[in-house]
Amino acid sequence: MQVKGKLTPAIQNTFYSISARGNGDVENTMYYRKLVSLAVALVLALSAVWVASASPKNNEDKEQRGLQTIEPLNIAILIQDDLVPQVSNEIGVTRDFIRSLPQGSQVMVGYITTGTLQVRQSWTNDLEKAARSLRIPVASTASSPFNPYVEVIEALKKFDNNGTNANAVLLISDGLDTSRGFDTTAAGHTVDIDRAIKEANKRRVSVFSFYAPSVGLTSRSRIAASYGQSSLNRISNETGGRAFFQGSNGFVTFNSYFNRLRETLNRQYARNR
């Protein structure tokens, strides 16, 4: 029974008891929510760490398996020695590409420098040895070839016509031929490009090419860069290969080039089952 203006002791005790239980329930609920939030945060953090540690390995495994479904290749890796310094950062992915080649492949590594082809590694089926033979390009005009295609022809003559493997060249170059002057009207149609195409087709070698600017004209002139890309495009298209480049300004990493090259090789040299 309620007394006006005042609670009886019995009612007060009941009210305090209910309040205490209510406060306890609220505290328990808040504690439970904090505990659940902490557990969720811990799971997410552990998942992020696992993904971060697993992803590089998965990517590496995919790259290593990426070319295992194709026939073995004989491939010459030719790098122009006066390319811009940023190309030195791409040596790692180039090594990974060599290591990813199918068993039975043979690799030659050479550098196109002033007046000569510097063979760093002659033909070998030791892919690790070939990968380790890569070095950083000199990146100086002192090593600039007036004509990369003369050295390409020299490399083509090192292919064995009697081999059973498919033959290919990976030419990393600015593609510019200034041996007879800088004539934009002759872009992609110089005498030595014609000779290189003829030699490649004679020996059944497909030329794949990556464009990268040199420290000379192609890093300063869009016209020169376009001229070089046209030349690379022609020698690749007319020998059954493919040229890879993105625009005429600056430098693009080789990651996307190698991804597309792998796709092309998988289509072109698929292993017969």
C-alpha atoms as a PDB file:
ATOM      1  CA  MET A   1       0.000   0.000   0.000  1.00  0.00           C
ATOM      2  CA  GLN A   2       1.354   3.353  -1.025  1.00  0.00           C
ATOM      3  CA  VAL A   3       1.647   6.163   1.458  1.00  0.00           C
ATOM      4  CA  LYS A   4       1.318   9.536  -0.208  1.00  0.00           C
ATOM      5  CA  GLY A   5       4.660  11.265  -0.698  1.00  0.00           C
ATOM      6  CA  LYS A   6       6.675   8.424   0.779  1.00  0.00           C
ATOM      7  CA  LEU A   7       7.594   4.799  -0.064  1.00  0.00           C
ATOM      8  CA  THR A   8       7.274   2.171   2.560  1.00  0.00           C
ATOM      9  CA  PRO A   9      10.483   0.335   3.560  1.00  0.00           C
ATOM     10  CA  ALA A  10       9.242  -2.867   1.881  1.00  0.00           C
ATOM     11  CA  ILE A  11       8.605  -1.126  -1.424  1.00  0.00           C
ATOM     12  CA  GLN A  12      11.979   0.665  -1.202  1.00  0.00           C
ATOM     13  CA  ASN A  13      13.801  -2.633  -0.683  1.00  0.00           C
ATOM     14  CA  THR A  14      11.971  -4.186  -3.654  1.00  0.00           C
ATOM     15  CA  PHE A  15      12.839  -1.187  -5.867  1.00  0.00           C
ATOM     16  CA  TYR A  16      16.525  -1.311  -4.899  1.00  0.00           C
ATOM     17  CA  SER A  17      16.645  -5.043  -5.586  1.00  0.00           C
ATOM     18  CA  ILE A  18      15.131  -4.639  -9.064  1.00  0.00           C
ATOM     19  CA  SER A  19      17.487  -1.736  -9.805  1.00  0.00           C
ATOM     20  CA  ALA A  20      20.500  -3.750  -8.738  1.00  0.00           C
ATOM     21  CA  ARG A  21      19.518  -6.655 -10.969  1.00  0.00           C
ATOM     22  CA  GLY A  22      18.887  -4.247 -13.879  1.00  0.00           C
ATOM     23  CA  ASN A  23      22.267  -2.587 -13.478  1.00  0.00           C
ATOM     24  CA  GLY A  24      23.908  -5.993 -13.319  1.00  0.00           C
ATOM     25  CA  ASP A  25      22.207  -7.102 -16.536  1.00  0.00           C
ATOM     26  CA  VAL A  26      23.350  -3.933 -18.297  1.00  0.00           C
ATOM     27  CA  GLU A  27      26.905  -4.391 -17.074  1.00  0.00           C
ATOM     28  CA  ASN A  28      26.885  -8.052 -18.160  1.00  0.00           C
ATOM     29  CA  THR A  29      25.526  -7.126 -21.584  1.00  0.00           C
ATOM     30  CA  MET A  30      28.143  -4.420 -22.075  1.00  0.00           C
ATOM     31  CA  TYR A  31      30.910  -6.815 -20.990  1.00  0.00           C
ATOM     32  CA  TYR A  32      29.636  -9.504 -23.396  1.00  0.00           C
ATOM     33  CA  ARG A  33      29.556  -7.042 -26.289  1.00  0.00           C
ATOM     34  CA  LYS A  34      33.111  -5.888 -25.545  1.00  0.00           C
ATOM     35  CA  LEU A  35      34.251  -9.505 -25.409  1.00  0.00           C
ATOM     36  CA  VAL A  36      32.619 -10.325 -28.767  1.00  0.00           C
ATOM     37  CA  SER A  37      34.084  -7.173 -30.364  1.00  0.00           C
ATOM     38  CA  LEU A  38      37.548  -8.075 -29.102  1.00  0.00           C
ATOM     39  CA  ALA A  39      37.233 -11.623 -30.461  1.00  0.00           C
ATOM     40  CA  VAL A  40      36.076 -10.375 -33.881  1.00  0.00           C
ATOM     41  CA  ALA A  41      38.935  -7.852 -34.044  1.00  0.00           C
ATOM     42  CA  LEU A  42      41.431 -10.601 -33.164  1.00  0.00           C
ATOM     43  CA  VAL A  43      40.072 -12.912 -35.883  1.00  0.00           C
ATOM     44  CA  LEU A  44      40.228 -10.133 -38.484  1.00  0.00           C
ATOM     45  CA  ALA A  45      43.781  -9.235 -37.501  1.00  0.00           C
ATOM     46  CA  LEU A  46      44.923 -12.869 -37.741  1.00  0.00           C
ATOM     47  CA  SER A  47      43.177 -13.239 -41.110  1.00  0.00           C
ATOM     48  CA  ALA A  48      44.925 -10.137 -42.461  1.00  0.00           C
ATOM     49  CA  VAL A  49      48.318 -11.469 -41.351  1.00  0.00           C
ATOM     50  CA  TRP A  50      47.610 -14.851 -42.963  1.00  0.00           C
ATOM     51  CA  VAL A  51      46.534 -13.280 -46.258  1.00  0.00           C
ATOM     52  CA  ALA A  52      49.557 -10.969 -46.307  1.00  0.00           C
ATOM     53  CA  SER A  53      51.944 -13.871 -45.729  1.00  0.00           C
ATOM     54  CA  ALA A  54      50.188 -16.270 -48.085  1.00  0.00           C
ATOM     55  CA  SER A  55      49.585 -13.954 -51.044  1.00  0.00           C
ATOM     56  CA  PRO A  56      53.225 -13.492 -52.134  1.00  0.00           C
ATOM     57  CA  LYS A  57      53.779 -17.237 -52.009  1.00  0.00           C
ATOM     58  CA  ASN A  58      50.576 -17.881 -53.953  1.00  0.00           C
ATOM     59  CA  ASN A  59      51.575 -15.316 -56.574  1.00  0.00           C
ATOM     60  CA  GLU A  60      55.026 -16.844 -56.812  1.00  0.00           C
ATOM     61  CA  ASP A  61      53.533 -20.334 -57.167  1.00  0.00           C
ATOM     62  CA  LYS A  62      51.210 -19.115 -59.914  1.00  0.00           C
ATOM     63  CA  GLU A  63      54.137 -17.543 -61.752  1.00  0.00           C
ATOM     64  CA  GLN A  64      56.185 -20.707 -61.432  1.00  0.00           C
ATOM     65  CA  ARG A  65      53.281 -22.782 -62.762  1.00  0.00           C
ATOM     66  CA  GLY A  66      52.328 -20.171 -65.354  1.00  0.00           C
ATOM     67  CA  LEU A  67      54.409 -21.616 -68.202  1.00  0.00           C
ATOM     68  CA  GLN A  68      54.517 -25.265 -67.194  1.00  0.00           C
ATOM     69  CA  THR A  69      51.733 -26.144 -69.645  1.00  0.00           C
ATOM     70  CA  ILE A  70      53.705 -25.086 -72.739  1.00  0.00           C
ATOM     71  CA  GLU A  71      56.304 -26.899 -74.791  1.00  0.00           C
ATOM     72  CA  PRO A  72      59.955 -26.232 -73.872  1.00  0.00           C
ATOM     73  CA  LEU A  73      61.439 -23.148 -75.523  1.00  0.00           C
ATOM     74  CA  ASN A  74      64.801 -22.005 -76.760  1.00  0.00           C
ATOM     75  CA  ILE A  75      64.675 -18.328 -75.854  1.00  0.00           C
ATOM     76  CA  ALA A  76      67.311 -15.594 -76.116  1.00  0.00           C
ATOM     77  CA  ILE A  77      66.873 -12.695 -73.679  1.00  0.00           C
ATOM     78  CA  LEU A  78      68.414  -9.606 -75.321  1.00  0.00           C
ATOM     79  CA  ILE A  79      68.671  -6.370 -73.322  1.00  0.00           C
ATOM     80  CA  GLN A  80      69.774  -3.042 -74.765  1.00  0.00           C
ATOM     81  CA  ASP A  81      72.543  -1.724 -72.539  1.00  0.00           C
ATOM     82  CA  ASP A  82      71.690   2.007 -72.633  1.00  0.00           C
ATOM     83  CA  LEU A  83      68.123   1.779 -71.349  1.00  0.00           C
ATOM     84  CA  VAL A  84      67.014   4.176 -68.601  1.00  0.00           C
ATOM     85  CA  PRO A  85      68.151   3.343 -65.031  1.00  0.00           C
ATOM     86  CA  GLN A  86      64.611   2.318 -63.983  1.00  0.00           C
ATOM     87  CA  VAL A  87      65.042  -0.858 -66.036  1.00  0.00           C
ATOM     88  CA  SER A  88      67.480  -2.108 -63.383  1.00  0.00           C
ATOM     89  CA  ASN A  89      64.461  -2.481 -61.069  1.00  0.00           C
ATOM     90  CA  GLU A  90      62.986  -5.022 -63.499  1.00  0.00           C
ATOM     91  CA  ILE A  91      65.855  -7.501 -63.337  1.00  0.00           C
ATOM     92  CA  GLY A  92      64.058  -9.399 -60.558  1.00  0.00           C
ATOM     93  CA  VAL A  93      60.862 -10.046 -62.549  1.00  0.00           C
ATOM     94  CA  THR A  94      62.967 -10.965 -65.584  1.00  0.00           C
ATOM     95  CA  ARG A  95      64.792 -13.571 -63.488  1.00  0.00           C
ATOM     96  CA  ASP A  96      61.437 -14.899 -62.273  1.00  0.00           C
ATOM     97  CA  PHE A  97      60.283 -15.265 -65.873  1.00  0.00           C
ATOM     98  CA  ILE A  98      63.364 -17.307 -66.779  1.00  0.00           C
ATOM     99  CA  ARG A  99      62.869 -19.552 -63.744  1.00  0.00           C
ATOM    100  CA  SER A 100      59.212 -20.104 -64.710  1.00  0.00           C
ATOM    101  CA  LEU A 101      60.071 -21.617 -68.110  1.00  0.00           C
ATOM    102  CA  PRO A 102      59.161 -25.292 -68.547  1.00  0.00           C
ATOM    103  CA  GLN A 103      61.731 -27.992 -67.942  1.00  0.00           C
ATOM    104  CA  GLY A 104      63.770 -28.708 -71.060  1.00  0.00           C
ATOM    105  CA  SER A 105      63.908 -25.056 -72.115  1.00  0.00           C
ATOM    106  CA  GLN A 106      67.221 -23.461 -73.049  1.00  0.00           C
ATOM    107  CA  VAL A 107      68.129 -19.839 -72.428  1.00  0.00           C
ATOM    108  CA  MET A 108      70.751 -17.461 -73.769  1.00  0.00           C
ATOM    109  CA  VAL A 109      71.291 -14.018 -72.212  1.00  0.00           C
ATOM    110  CA  GLY A 110      72.905 -11.183 -74.142  1.00  0.00           C
ATOM    111  CA  TYR A 111      73.334  -7.410 -73.937  1.00  0.00           C
ATOM    112  CA  ILE A 112      73.123  -5.159 -76.978  1.00  0.00           C
ATOM    113  CA  THR A 113      75.848  -2.598 -76.553  1.00  0.00           C
ATOM    114  CA  THR A 114      78.001  -0.374 -78.752  1.00  0.00           C
ATOM    115  CA  GLY A 115      78.859  -2.339 -81.871  1.00  0.00           C
ATOM    116  CA  THR A 116      78.572  -5.794 -80.359  1.00  0.00           C
ATOM    117  CA  LEU A 117      76.412  -8.451 -78.720  1.00  0.00           C
ATOM    118  CA  GLN A 118      77.784  -9.242 -75.269  1.00  0.00           C
ATOM    119  CA  VAL A 119      76.736 -12.792 -74.451  1.00  0.00           C
ATOM    120  CA  ARG A 120      76.508 -13.095 -70.671  1.00  0.00           C
ATOM    121  CA  GLN A 121      75.239 -16.665 -70.757  1.00  0.00           C
ATOM    122  CA  SER A 122      75.488 -19.014 -73.726  1.00  0.00           C
ATOM    123  CA  TRP A 123      72.752 -21.583 -74.305  1.00  0.00           C
ATOM    124  CA  THR A 124      71.978 -23.508 -71.125  1.00  0.00           C
ATOM    125  CA  ASN A 125      69.127 -25.586 -69.717  1.00  0.00           C
ATOM    126  CA  ASP A 126      70.139 -24.515 -66.200  1.00  0.00           C
ATOM    127  CA  LEU A 127      67.427 -21.886 -65.722  1.00  0.00           C
ATOM    128  CA  GLU A 128      68.790 -20.708 -62.371  1.00  0.00           C
ATOM    129  CA  LYS A 129      72.226 -20.153 -63.893  1.00  0.00           C
ATOM    130  CA  ALA A 130      70.692 -18.200 -66.768  1.00  0.00           C
ATOM    131  CA  ALA A 131      68.621 -16.091 -64.352  1.00  0.00           C
ATOM    132  CA  ARG A 132      71.695 -15.235 -62.273  1.00  0.00           C
ATOM    133  CA  SER A 133      73.607 -14.115 -65.366  1.00  0.00           C
ATOM    134  CA  LEU A 134      71.395 -11.034 -65.741  1.00  0.00           C
ATOM    135  CA  ARG A 135      73.047  -7.775 -64.738  1.00  0.00           C
ATOM    136  CA  ILE A 136      71.944  -4.160 -64.426  1.00  0.00           C
ATOM    137  CA  PRO A 137      72.161  -2.292 -67.757  1.00  0.00           C
ATOM    138  CA  VAL A 138      74.910   0.334 -68.023  1.00  0.00           C
ATOM    139  CA  ALA A 139      72.331   3.094 -68.710  1.00  0.00           C
ATOM    140  CA  SER A 140      74.840   5.357 -70.446  1.00  0.00           C
ATOM    141  CA  THR A 141      75.089   6.823 -73.946  1.00  0.00           C
ATOM    142  CA  ALA A 142      78.611   5.380 -74.013  1.00  0.00           C
ATOM    143  CA  SER A 143      77.000   1.964 -74.479  1.00  0.00           C
ATOM    144  CA  SER A 144      74.356   3.072 -77.013  1.00  0.00           C
ATOM    145  CA  PRO A 145      74.090   0.937 -80.150  1.00  0.00           C
ATOM    146  CA  PHE A 146      73.373   2.902 -83.305  1.00  0.00           C
ATOM    147  CA  ASN A 147      71.366  -0.065 -84.463  1.00  0.00           C
ATOM    148  CA  PRO A 148      70.044  -2.820 -82.130  1.00  0.00           C
ATOM    149  CA  TYR A 149      68.974  -4.968 -85.088  1.00  0.00           C
ATOM    150  CA  VAL A 150      72.519  -5.812 -86.157  1.00  0.00           C
ATOM    151  CA  GLU A 151      73.024  -7.458 -82.741  1.00  0.00           C
ATOM    152  CA  VAL A 152      69.617  -9.120 -83.017  1.00  0.00           C
ATOM    153  CA  ILE A 153      70.781 -10.726 -86.270  1.00  0.00           C
ATOM    154  CA  GLU A 154      73.964 -11.868 -84.528  1.00  0.00           C
ATOM    155  CA  ALA A 155      71.881 -13.494 -81.783  1.00  0.00           C
ATOM    156  CA  LEU A 156      69.545 -15.145 -84.292  1.00  0.00           C
ATOM    157  CA  LYS A 157      72.504 -16.875 -85.925  1.00  0.00           C
ATOM    158  CA  LYS A 158      73.189 -18.646 -82.616  1.00  0.00           C
ATOM    159  CA  PHE A 159      69.940 -20.646 -82.832  1.00  0.00           C
ATOM    160  CA  ASP A 160      70.290 -24.288 -83.854  1.00  0.00           C
ATOM    161  CA  ASN A 161      68.094 -25.067 -86.846  1.00  0.00           C
ATOM    162  CA  ASN A 162      68.053 -28.759 -85.948  1.00  0.00           C
ATOM    163  CA  GLY A 163      66.587 -28.391 -82.449  1.00  0.00           C
ATOM    164  CA  THR A 164      63.155 -29.739 -81.509  1.00  0.00           C
ATOM    165  CA  ASN A 165      62.156 -26.860 -79.203  1.00  0.00           C
ATOM    166  CA  ALA A 166      60.259 -23.804 -80.414  1.00  0.00           C
ATOM    167  CA  ASN A 167      62.505 -20.765 -80.831  1.00  0.00           C
ATOM    168  CA  ALA A 168      61.911 -17.251 -79.503  1.00  0.00           C
ATOM    169  CA  VAL A 169      63.680 -13.987 -78.705  1.00  0.00           C
ATOM    170  CA  LEU A 170      62.676 -11.564 -75.968  1.00  0.00           C
ATOM    171  CA  LEU A 171      64.071  -8.214 -77.107  1.00  0.00           C
ATOM    172  CA  ILE A 172      64.079  -5.487 -74.426  1.00  0.00           C
ATOM    173  CA  SER A 173      64.906  -2.312 -76.316  1.00  0.00           C
ATOM    174  CA  ASP A 174      63.817   1.150 -77.395  1.00  0.00           C
ATOM    175  CA  GLY A 175      63.735  -0.210 -80.956  1.00  0.00           C
ATOM    176  CA  LEU A 176      65.300   2.913 -82.447  1.00  0.00           C
ATOM    177  CA  ASP A 177      67.555   2.517 -85.506  1.00  0.00           C
ATOM    178  CA  THR A 178      69.620   5.663 -86.113  1.00  0.00           C
ATOM    179  CA  SER A 179      72.469   4.001 -87.974  1.00  0.00           C
ATOM    180  CA  ARG A 180      71.482   5.814 -91.147  1.00  0.00           C
ATOM    181  CA  GLY A 181      70.175   8.967 -89.539  1.00  0.00           C
ATOM    182  CA  PHE A 182      66.923   9.834 -87.819  1.00  0.00           C
ATOM    183  CA  ASP A 183      64.421   9.473 -90.633  1.00  0.00           C
ATOM    184  CA  THR A 184      60.856   9.336 -89.324  1.00  0.00           C
ATOM    185  CA  THR A 185      59.493   8.515 -92.788  1.00  0.00           C
ATOM    186  CA  ALA A 186      61.325   5.173 -92.619  1.00  0.00           C
ATOM    187  CA  ALA A 187      60.015   4.154 -89.173  1.00  0.00           C
ATOM    188  CA  GLY A 188      60.021   0.369 -88.994  1.00  0.00           C
ATOM    189  CA  HIS A 189      61.353  -0.042 -92.524  1.00  0.00           C
ATOM    190  CA  THR A 190      65.141   0.188 -92.364  1.00  0.00           C
ATOM    191  CA  VAL A 191      67.490  -2.187 -94.129  1.00  0.00           C
ATOM    192  CA  ASP A 192      68.636  -3.875 -90.919  1.00  0.00           C
ATOM    193  CA  ILE A 193      65.114  -4.424 -89.622  1.00  0.00           C
ATOM    194  CA  ASP A 194      64.309  -6.099 -92.937  1.00  0.00           C
ATOM    195  CA  ARG A 195      67.405  -8.272 -92.570  1.00  0.00           C
ATOM    196  CA  ALA A 196      66.508  -9.193 -88.978  1.00  0.00           C
ATOM    197  CA  ILE A 197      62.992 -10.200 -89.983  1.00  0.00           C
ATOM    198  CA  LYS A 198      64.324 -12.314 -92.841  1.00  0.00           C
ATOM    199  CA  GLU A 199      66.870 -14.049 -90.574  1.00  0.00           C
ATOM    200  CA  ALA A 200      64.260 -14.731 -87.873  1.00  0.00           C
ATOM    201  CA  ASN A 201      61.815 -16.270 -90.335  1.00  0.00           C
ATOM    202  CA  LYS A 202      64.581 -18.316 -91.938  1.00  0.00           C
ATOM    203  CA  ARG A 203      65.417 -19.834 -88.543  1.00  0.00           C
ATOM    204  CA  ARG A 204      61.776 -20.015 -87.385  1.00  0.00           C
ATOM    205  CA  VAL A 205      62.327 -17.670 -84.431  1.00  0.00           C
ATOM    206  CA  SER A 206      59.476 -15.547 -83.065  1.00  0.00           C
ATOM    207  CA  VAL A 207      60.592 -12.161 -81.751  1.00  0.00           C
ATOM    208  CA  PHE A 208      58.728 -10.832 -78.703  1.00  0.00           C
ATOM    209  CA  SER A 209      59.657  -7.317 -77.614  1.00  0.00           C
ATOM    210  CA  PHE A 210      59.315  -5.044 -74.585  1.00  0.00           C
ATOM    211  CA  TYR A 211      59.660  -1.324 -75.205  1.00  0.00           C
ATOM    212  CA  ALA A 212      61.718   0.727 -72.736  1.00  0.00           C
ATOM    213  CA  PRO A 213      63.232   4.164 -73.429  1.00  0.00           C
ATOM    214  CA  SER A 214      66.975   4.619 -73.614  1.00  0.00           C
ATOM    215  CA  VAL A 215      68.963   7.415 -71.998  1.00  0.00           C
ATOM    216  CA  GLY A 216      69.245   8.898 -75.509  1.00  0.00           C
ATOM    217  CA  LEU A 217      66.606  10.150 -77.943  1.00  0.00           C
ATOM    218  CA  THR A 218      63.666   7.987 -76.933  1.00  0.00           C
ATOM    219  CA  SER A 219      63.590   9.392 -73.380  1.00  0.00           C
ATOM    220  CA  ARG A 220      63.446  12.952 -74.729  1.00  0.00           C
ATOM    221  CA  SER A 221      61.439  12.766 -77.955  1.00  0.00           C
ATOM    222  CA  ARG A 222      57.951  11.367 -78.453  1.00  0.00           C
ATOM    223  CA  ILE A 223      58.650  11.082 -82.167  1.00  0.00           C
ATOM    224  CA  ALA A 224      61.755   8.980 -81.503  1.00  0.00           C
ATOM    225  CA  ALA A 225      59.828   6.809 -79.028  1.00  0.00           C
ATOM    226  CA  SER A 226      57.025   6.297 -81.549  1.00  0.00           C
ATOM    227  CA  TYR A 227      59.587   5.454 -84.239  1.00  0.00           C
ATOM    228  CA  GLY A 228      61.200   2.837 -81.994  1.00  0.00           C
ATOM    229  CA  GLN A 229      57.863   1.309 -81.018  1.00  0.00           C
ATOM    230  CA  SER A 230      56.829   1.067 -84.684  1.00  0.00           C
ATOM    231  CA  SER A 231      60.058  -0.809 -85.398  1.00  0.00           C
ATOM    232  CA  LEU A 232      59.526  -3.247 -82.507  1.00  0.00           C
ATOM    233  CA  ASN A 233      55.933  -3.744 -83.551  1.00  0.00           C
ATOM    234  CA  ARG A 234      56.950  -4.648 -87.077  1.00  0.00           C
ATOM    235  CA  ILE A 235      59.718  -7.114 -86.246  1.00  0.00           C
ATOM    236  CA  SER A 236      57.445  -8.849 -83.711  1.00  0.00           C
ATOM    237  CA  ASN A 237      54.358  -8.989 -85.919  1.00  0.00           C
ATOM    238  CA  GLU A 238      56.238 -10.257 -88.965  1.00  0.00           C
ATOM    239  CA  THR A 239      58.034 -13.041 -87.093  1.00  0.00           C
ATOM    240  CA  GLY A 240      55.053 -14.463 -85.219  1.00  0.00           C
ATOM    241  CA  GLY A 241      55.758 -12.659 -81.945  1.00  0.00           C
ATOM    242  CA  ARG A 242      54.202  -9.676 -80.221  1.00  0.00           C
ATOM    243  CA  ALA A 243      55.364  -6.245 -79.060  1.00  0.00           C
ATOM    244  CA  PHE A 244      54.447  -4.867 -75.634  1.00  0.00           C
ATOM    245  CA  PHE A 245      54.436  -1.173 -74.805  1.00  0.00           C
ATOM    246  CA  GLN A 246      52.209   1.417 -73.109  1.00  0.00           C
ATOM    247  CA  GLY A 247      52.374   4.960 -74.419  1.00  0.00           C
ATOM    248  CA  SER A 248      55.455   6.927 -75.416  1.00  0.00           C
ATOM    249  CA  ASN A 249      56.094   8.867 -72.195  1.00  0.00           C
ATOM    250  CA  GLY A 250      58.060   7.737 -69.172  1.00  0.00           C
ATOM    251  CA  PHE A 251      58.682   4.132 -68.164  1.00  0.00           C
ATOM    252  CA  VAL A 252      56.215   1.384 -67.303  1.00  0.00           C
ATOM    253  CA  THR A 253      57.291  -1.617 -65.223  1.00  0.00           C
ATOM    254  CA  PHE A 254      57.588  -5.013 -66.883  1.00  0.00           C
ATOM    255  CA  ASN A 255      55.050  -6.726 -64.594  1.00  0.00           C
ATOM    256  CA  SER A 256      52.106  -6.269 -66.954  1.00  0.00           C
ATOM    257  CA  TYR A 257      54.331  -7.080 -69.948  1.00  0.00           C
ATOM    258  CA  PHE A 258      55.374 -10.420 -68.474  1.00  0.00           C
ATOM    259  CA  ASN A 259      51.784 -11.274 -67.521  1.00  0.00           C
ATOM    260  CA  ARG A 260      50.654 -10.693 -71.106  1.00  0.00           C
ATOM    261  CA  LEU A 261      53.698 -12.474 -72.500  1.00  0.00           C
ATOM    262  CA  ARG A 262      52.883 -15.549 -70.414  1.00  0.00           C
ATOM    263  CA  GLU A 263      49.315 -15.506 -71.722  1.00  0.00           C
ATOM    264  CA  THR A 264      50.599 -15.246 -75.298  1.00  0.00           C
ATOM    265  CA  LEU A 265      53.116 -18.065 -74.859  1.00  0.00           C
ATOM    266  CA  ASN A 266      50.471 -20.281 -73.256  1.00  0.00           C
ATOM    267  CA  ARG A 267      48.269 -19.836 -76.316  1.00  0.00           C
ATOM    268  CA  GLN A 268      51.054 -20.080 -78.863  1.00  0.00           C
ATOM    269  CA  TYR A 269      53.079 -22.974 -77.475  1.00  0.00           C
ATOM    270  CA  ALA A 270      50.454 -25.004 -75.596  1.00  0.00           C
ATOM    271  CA  ARG A 271      51.655 -28.495 -74.772  1.00  0.00           C
ATOM    272  CA  ASN A 272      49.899 -31.213 -76.782  1.00  0.00           C
ATOM    273  CA  ARG A 273      47.918 -33.575 -74.580  1.00  0.00           C
END
